PDB file of N, CA and C in Angstrom:
ATOM      1  N   MET A   1     -26.206 -85.573  -0.122  1.00  0.00           N
ATOM      2  CA  MET A   1     -25.949 -85.684   1.290  1.00  0.00           C
ATOM      3  C   MET A   1     -27.236 -85.643   2.115  1.00  0.00           C
ATOM      4  N   THR A   2     -28.249 -84.928   1.609  1.00  0.00           N
ATOM      5  CA  THR A   2     -29.499 -84.818   2.364  1.00  0.00           C
ATOM      6  C   THR A   2     -30.521 -85.860   1.939  1.00  0.00           C
ATOM      7  N   GLY A   3     -30.290 -86.485   0.782  1.00  0.00           N
ATOM      8  CA  GLY A   3     -31.257 -87.439   0.283  1.00  0.00           C
ATOM      9  C   GLY A   3     -32.426 -86.782  -0.440  1.00  0.00           C
ATOM     10  N   LYS A   4     -32.338 -85.483  -0.654  1.00  0.00           N
ATOM     11  CA  LYS A   4     -33.399 -84.747  -1.357  1.00  0.00           C
ATOM     12  C   LYS A   4     -32.891 -84.286  -2.716  1.00  0.00           C
ATOM     13  N   ASP A   5     -33.828 -84.104  -3.645  1.00  0.00           N
ATOM     14  CA  ASP A   5     -33.486 -83.567  -4.955  1.00  0.00           C
ATOM     15  C   ASP A   5     -33.072 -82.102  -4.821  1.00  0.00           C
ATOM     16  N   HIS A   6     -32.207 -81.673  -5.749  1.00  0.00           N
ATOM     17  CA  HIS A   6     -31.706 -80.298  -5.737  1.00  0.00           C
ATOM     18  C   HIS A   6     -32.853 -79.293  -5.752  1.00  0.00           C
ATOM     19  N   ASN A   7     -33.859 -79.534  -6.579  1.00  0.00           N
ATOM     20  CA  ASN A   7     -34.973 -78.571  -6.664  1.00  0.00           C
ATOM     21  C   ASN A   7     -35.740 -78.473  -5.345  1.00  0.00           C
ATOM     22  N   HIS A   8     -35.799 -79.556  -4.585  1.00  0.00           N
ATOM     23  CA  HIS A   8     -36.478 -79.509  -3.289  1.00  0.00           C
ATOM     24  C   HIS A   8     -35.649 -78.737  -2.268  1.00  0.00           C
ATOM     25  N   ILE A   9     -34.349 -78.912  -2.296  1.00  0.00           N
ATOM     26  CA  ILE A   9     -33.474 -78.146  -1.410  1.00  0.00           C
ATOM     27  C   ILE A   9     -33.568 -76.661  -1.752  1.00  0.00           C
ATOM     28  N   MET A  10     -33.556 -76.347  -3.039  1.00  0.00           N
ATOM     29  CA  MET A  10     -33.680 -74.944  -3.459  1.00  0.00           C
ATOM     30  C   MET A  10     -35.001 -74.351  -2.979  1.00  0.00           C
ATOM     31  N   ARG A  11     -36.080 -75.091  -3.116  1.00  0.00           N
ATOM     32  CA  ARG A  11     -37.382 -74.632  -2.638  1.00  0.00           C
ATOM     33  C   ARG A  11     -37.345 -74.362  -1.142  1.00  0.00           C
ATOM     34  N   ASP A  12     -36.756 -75.280  -0.403  1.00  0.00           N
ATOM     35  CA  ASP A  12     -36.667 -75.129   1.045  1.00  0.00           C
ATOM     36  C   ASP A  12     -35.850 -73.898   1.430  1.00  0.00           C
ATOM     37  N   ILE A  13     -34.703 -73.719   0.785  1.00  0.00           N
ATOM     38  CA  ILE A  13     -33.855 -72.570   1.112  1.00  0.00           C
ATOM     39  C   ILE A  13     -34.566 -71.267   0.773  1.00  0.00           C
ATOM     40  N   ARG A  14     -35.278 -71.214  -0.344  1.00  0.00           N
ATOM     41  CA  ARG A  14     -36.045 -69.998  -0.662  1.00  0.00           C
ATOM     42  C   ARG A  14     -37.057 -69.698   0.437  1.00  0.00           C
ATOM     43  N   GLY A  15     -37.657 -70.734   0.989  1.00  0.00           N
ATOM     44  CA  GLY A  15     -38.586 -70.558   2.100  1.00  0.00           C
ATOM     45  C   GLY A  15     -37.887 -70.034   3.339  1.00  0.00           C
ATOM     46  N   TYR A  16     -36.679 -70.541   3.634  1.00  0.00           N
ATOM     47  CA  TYR A  16     -35.907 -70.056   4.778  1.00  0.00           C
ATOM     48  C   TYR A  16     -35.550 -68.589   4.587  1.00  0.00           C
ATOM     49  N   VAL A  17     -35.161 -68.218   3.365  1.00  0.00           N
ATOM     50  CA  VAL A  17     -34.787 -66.828   3.075  1.00  0.00           C
ATOM     51  C   VAL A  17     -35.995 -65.922   3.303  1.00  0.00           C
ATOM     52  N   LYS A  18     -37.165 -66.327   2.830  1.00  0.00           N
ATOM     53  CA  LYS A  18     -38.379 -65.516   3.042  1.00  0.00           C
ATOM     54  C   LYS A  18     -38.687 -65.370   4.527  1.00  0.00           C
ATOM     55  N   ALA A  19     -38.531 -66.444   5.273  1.00  0.00           N
ATOM     56  CA  ALA A  19     -38.788 -66.389   6.716  1.00  0.00           C
ATOM     57  C   ALA A  19     -37.791 -65.471   7.408  1.00  0.00           C
ATOM     58  N   LEU A  20     -36.538 -65.505   6.992  1.00  0.00           N
ATOM     59  CA  LEU A  20     -35.522 -64.649   7.596  1.00  0.00           C
ATOM     60  C   LEU A  20     -35.755 -63.179   7.275  1.00  0.00           C
ATOM     61  N   GLU A  21     -36.327 -62.894   6.096  1.00  0.00           N
ATOM     62  CA  GLU A  21     -36.582 -61.510   5.693  1.00  0.00           C
ATOM     63  C   GLU A  21     -37.641 -60.846   6.563  1.00  0.00           C
ATOM     64  N   ILE A  22     -38.476 -61.636   7.221  1.00  0.00           N
ATOM     65  CA  ILE A  22     -39.533 -61.089   8.081  1.00  0.00           C
ATOM     66  C   ILE A  22     -38.936 -60.402   9.304  1.00  0.00           C
ATOM     67  N   SER A  23     -37.857 -60.970   9.821  1.00  0.00           N
ATOM     68  CA  SER A  23     -37.230 -60.426  11.033  1.00  0.00           C
ATOM     69  C   SER A  23     -36.228 -59.327  10.670  1.00  0.00           C
ATOM     70  N   PRO A  24     -36.399 -58.135  11.243  1.00  0.00           N
ATOM     71  CA  PRO A  24     -35.448 -57.054  10.944  1.00  0.00           C
ATOM     72  C   PRO A  24     -34.062 -57.304  11.545  1.00  0.00           C
ATOM     73  N   ASN A  25     -33.956 -58.235  12.495  1.00  0.00           N
ATOM     74  CA  ASN A  25     -32.681 -58.524  13.144  1.00  0.00           C
ATOM     75  C   ASN A  25     -31.864 -59.598  12.439  1.00  0.00           C
ATOM     76  N   LEU A  26     -32.465 -60.279  11.471  1.00  0.00           N
ATOM     77  CA  LEU A  26     -31.769 -61.355  10.771  1.00  0.00           C
ATOM     78  C   LEU A  26     -31.555 -60.983   9.310  1.00  0.00           C
ATOM     79  N   ASP A  27     -30.356 -61.205   8.830  1.00  0.00           N
ATOM     80  CA  ASP A  27     -30.007 -60.949   7.436  1.00  0.00           C
ATOM     81  C   ASP A  27     -29.766 -62.301   6.769  1.00  0.00           C
ATOM     82  N   SER A  28     -30.557 -62.615   5.771  1.00  0.00           N
ATOM     83  CA  SER A  28     -30.459 -63.932   5.135  1.00  0.00           C
ATOM     84  C   SER A  28     -29.077 -64.185   4.543  1.00  0.00           C
ATOM     85  N   SER A  29     -28.327 -63.111   4.203  1.00  0.00           N
ATOM     86  CA  SER A  29     -26.995 -63.323   3.627  1.00  0.00           C
ATOM     87  C   SER A  29     -25.994 -63.835   4.667  1.00  0.00           C
ATOM     88  N   ASN A  30     -26.368 -63.822   5.938  1.00  0.00           N
ATOM     89  CA  ASN A  30     -25.530 -64.447   6.965  1.00  0.00           C
ATOM     90  C   ASN A  30     -25.669 -65.963   6.928  1.00  0.00           C
ATOM     91  N   PHE A  31     -26.640 -66.456   6.151  1.00  0.00           N
ATOM     92  CA  PHE A  31     -26.938 -67.877   6.084  1.00  0.00           C
ATOM     93  C   PHE A  31     -26.828 -68.433   4.661  1.00  0.00           C
ATOM     94  N   PHE A  32     -27.401 -67.692   3.704  1.00  0.00           N
ATOM     95  CA  PHE A  32     -27.501 -68.149   2.317  1.00  0.00           C
ATOM     96  C   PHE A  32     -27.134 -67.017   1.361  1.00  0.00           C
ATOM     97  N   VAL A  33     -26.306 -67.325   0.361  1.00  0.00           N
ATOM     98  CA  VAL A  33     -25.898 -66.346  -0.638  1.00  0.00           C
ATOM     99  C   VAL A  33     -26.285 -66.895  -2.003  1.00  0.00           C
ATOM    100  N   GLU A  34     -27.105 -66.130  -2.736  1.00  0.00           N
ATOM    101  CA  GLU A  34     -27.509 -66.572  -4.078  1.00  0.00           C
ATOM    102  C   GLU A  34     -26.290 -66.628  -4.995  1.00  0.00           C
ATOM    103  N   SER A  35     -26.238 -67.648  -5.817  1.00  0.00           N
ATOM    104  CA  SER A  35     -25.134 -67.824  -6.750  1.00  0.00           C
ATOM    105  C   SER A  35     -25.626 -68.616  -7.958  1.00  0.00           C
ATOM    106  N   THR A  36     -24.718 -68.983  -8.823  1.00  0.00           N
ATOM    107  CA  THR A  36     -25.040 -69.818  -9.987  1.00  0.00           C
ATOM    108  C   THR A  36     -23.897 -70.800 -10.220  1.00  0.00           C
ATOM    109  N   TYR A  37     -24.179 -71.825 -11.010  1.00  0.00           N
ATOM    110  CA  TYR A  37     -23.164 -72.786 -11.430  1.00  0.00           C
ATOM    111  C   TYR A  37     -23.499 -73.213 -12.850  1.00  0.00           C
ATOM    112  N   LEU A  38     -22.531 -73.817 -13.530  1.00  0.00           N
ATOM    113  CA  LEU A  38     -22.757 -74.337 -14.877  1.00  0.00           C
ATOM    114  C   LEU A  38     -23.002 -75.833 -14.784  1.00  0.00           C
ATOM    115  N   ASP A  39     -24.099 -76.283 -15.400  1.00  0.00           N
ATOM    116  CA  ASP A  39     -24.376 -77.721 -15.406  1.00  0.00           C
ATOM    117  C   ASP A  39     -23.541 -78.397 -16.490  1.00  0.00           C
ATOM    118  N   THR A  40     -23.760 -79.671 -16.690  1.00  0.00           N
ATOM    119  CA  THR A  40     -22.947 -80.426 -17.650  1.00  0.00           C
ATOM    120  C   THR A  40     -23.139 -79.961 -19.094  1.00  0.00           C
ATOM    121  N   TYR A  41     -24.233 -79.226 -19.343  1.00  0.00           N
ATOM    122  CA  TYR A  41     -24.490 -78.683 -20.683  1.00  0.00           C
ATOM    123  C   TYR A  41     -24.076 -77.221 -20.774  1.00  0.00           C
ATOM    124  N   GLN A  42     -23.321 -76.758 -19.767  1.00  0.00           N
ATOM    125  CA  GLN A  42     -22.833 -75.378 -19.704  1.00  0.00           C
ATOM    126  C   GLN A  42     -23.956 -74.350 -19.590  1.00  0.00           C
ATOM    127  N   ARG A  43     -25.089 -74.785 -19.040  1.00  0.00           N
ATOM    128  CA  ARG A  43     -26.191 -73.855 -18.774  1.00  0.00           C
ATOM    129  C   ARG A  43     -26.018 -73.303 -17.368  1.00  0.00           C
ATOM    130  N   GLU A  44     -26.287 -72.017 -17.218  1.00  0.00           N
ATOM    131  CA  GLU A  44     -26.182 -71.403 -15.900  1.00  0.00           C
ATOM    132  C   GLU A  44     -27.424 -71.758 -15.076  1.00  0.00           C
ATOM    133  N   LYS A  45     -27.197 -72.283 -13.891  1.00  0.00           N
ATOM    134  CA  LYS A  45     -28.281 -72.715 -13.006  1.00  0.00           C
ATOM    135  C   LYS A  45     -28.139 -72.005 -11.661  1.00  0.00           C
ATOM    136  N   PRO A  46     -29.282 -71.731 -11.019  1.00  0.00           N
ATOM    137  CA  PRO A  46     -29.211 -71.077  -9.709  1.00  0.00           C
ATOM    138  C   PRO A  46     -28.788 -72.055  -8.620  1.00  0.00           C
ATOM    139  N   CYS A  47     -28.135 -71.502  -7.609  1.00  0.00           N
ATOM    140  CA  CYS A  47     -27.789 -72.278  -6.426  1.00  0.00           C
ATOM    141  C   CYS A  47     -27.582 -71.304  -5.273  1.00  0.00           C
ATOM    142  N   TYR A  48     -27.378 -71.833  -4.101  1.00  0.00           N
ATOM    143  CA  TYR A  48     -27.066 -71.017  -2.933  1.00  0.00           C
ATOM    144  C   TYR A  48     -25.756 -71.488  -2.345  1.00  0.00           C
ATOM    145  N   LEU A  49     -24.949 -70.531  -1.926  1.00  0.00           N
ATOM    146  CA  LEU A  49     -23.774 -70.826  -1.132  1.00  0.00           C
ATOM    147  C   LEU A  49     -24.225 -70.723   0.318  1.00  0.00           C
ATOM    148  N   LEU A  50     -23.866 -71.696   1.119  1.00  0.00           N
ATOM    149  CA  LEU A  50     -24.306 -71.720   2.503  1.00  0.00           C
ATOM    150  C   LEU A  50     -23.149 -71.417   3.442  1.00  0.00           C
ATOM    151  N   THR A  51     -23.428 -70.564   4.409  1.00  0.00           N
ATOM    152  CA  THR A  51     -22.458 -70.345   5.478  1.00  0.00           C
ATOM    153  C   THR A  51     -22.600 -71.511   6.452  1.00  0.00           C
ATOM    154  N   LYS A  52     -21.756 -71.523   7.469  1.00  0.00           N
ATOM    155  CA  LYS A  52     -21.869 -72.575   8.487  1.00  0.00           C
ATOM    156  C   LYS A  52     -23.256 -72.532   9.122  1.00  0.00           C
ATOM    157  N   LYS A  53     -23.741 -71.326   9.404  1.00  0.00           N
ATOM    158  CA  LYS A  53     -25.078 -71.181   9.999  1.00  0.00           C
ATOM    159  C   LYS A  53     -26.151 -71.692   9.043  1.00  0.00           C
ATOM    160  N   GLY A  54     -25.977 -71.424   7.745  1.00  0.00           N
ATOM    161  CA  GLY A  54     -26.924 -71.912   6.744  1.00  0.00           C
ATOM    162  C   GLY A  54     -26.937 -73.429   6.673  1.00  0.00           C
ATOM    163  N   CYS A  55     -25.755 -74.026   6.753  1.00  0.00           N
ATOM    164  CA  CYS A  55     -25.660 -75.496   6.772  1.00  0.00           C
ATOM    165  C   CYS A  55     -26.386 -76.061   7.989  1.00  0.00           C
ATOM    166  N   ASP A  56     -26.219 -75.393   9.123  1.00  0.00           N
ATOM    167  CA  ASP A  56     -26.907 -75.840  10.348  1.00  0.00           C
ATOM    168  C   ASP A  56     -28.427 -75.809  10.167  1.00  0.00           C
ATOM    169  N   ILE A  57     -28.928 -74.749   9.557  1.00  0.00           N
ATOM    170  CA  ILE A  57     -30.381 -74.633   9.324  1.00  0.00           C
ATOM    171  C   ILE A  57     -30.849 -75.763   8.431  1.00  0.00           C
ATOM    172  N   VAL A  58     -30.190 -75.983   7.307  1.00  0.00           N
ATOM    173  CA  VAL A  58     -30.594 -77.021   6.366  1.00  0.00           C
ATOM    174  C   VAL A  58     -30.514 -78.406   7.023  1.00  0.00           C
ATOM    175  N   ALA A  59     -29.415 -78.667   7.712  1.00  0.00           N
ATOM    176  CA  ALA A  59     -29.252 -79.978   8.347  1.00  0.00           C
ATOM    177  C   ALA A  59     -30.292 -80.219   9.419  1.00  0.00           C
ATOM    178  N   ASN A  60     -30.562 -79.219  10.250  1.00  0.00           N
ATOM    179  CA  ASN A  60     -31.545 -79.379  11.322  1.00  0.00           C
ATOM    180  C   ASN A  60     -32.952 -79.531  10.770  1.00  0.00           C
ATOM    181  N   LYS A  61     -33.281 -78.819   9.721  1.00  0.00           N
ATOM    182  CA  LYS A  61     -34.630 -78.942   9.134  1.00  0.00           C
ATOM    183  C   LYS A  61     -34.810 -80.291   8.458  1.00  0.00           C
ATOM    184  N   GLN A  62     -33.736 -80.860   7.912  1.00  0.00           N
ATOM    185  CA  GLN A  62     -33.823 -82.160   7.265  1.00  0.00           C
ATOM    186  C   GLN A  62     -34.071 -83.254   8.287  1.00  0.00           C
ATOM    187  N   GLN A  63     -33.617 -83.020   9.521  1.00  0.00           N
ATOM    188  CA  GLN A  63     -33.794 -84.000  10.581  1.00  0.00           C
ATOM    189  C   GLN A  63     -35.116 -83.810  11.300  1.00  0.00           C
ATOM    190  N   GLY A  64     -35.880 -82.794  10.886  1.00  0.00           N
ATOM    191  CA  GLY A  64     -37.203 -82.567  11.486  1.00  0.00           C
ATOM    192  C   GLY A  64     -37.158 -81.799  12.791  1.00  0.00           C
ATOM    193  N   LEU A  65     -36.051 -81.112  13.062  1.00  0.00           N
ATOM    194  CA  LEU A  65     -35.938 -80.334  14.299  1.00  0.00           C
ATOM    195  C   LEU A  65     -36.548 -78.968  14.143  1.00  0.00           C
TER     196      LEU A  65
END
């Protein structure tokens, strides 16, 4: 949907989480929740579950805002 590779999105979200951790008023879990999924080879892979606010951050950053 974003036109980016999964590993690039993961890198970006990790950066957003680090930036959110700097502010004592923002909790990254209000935006991104660490999780895992099984790939086609049944290997466990990392991923993030995004809240609506997290989706807004990712979408706005992809548009260069």
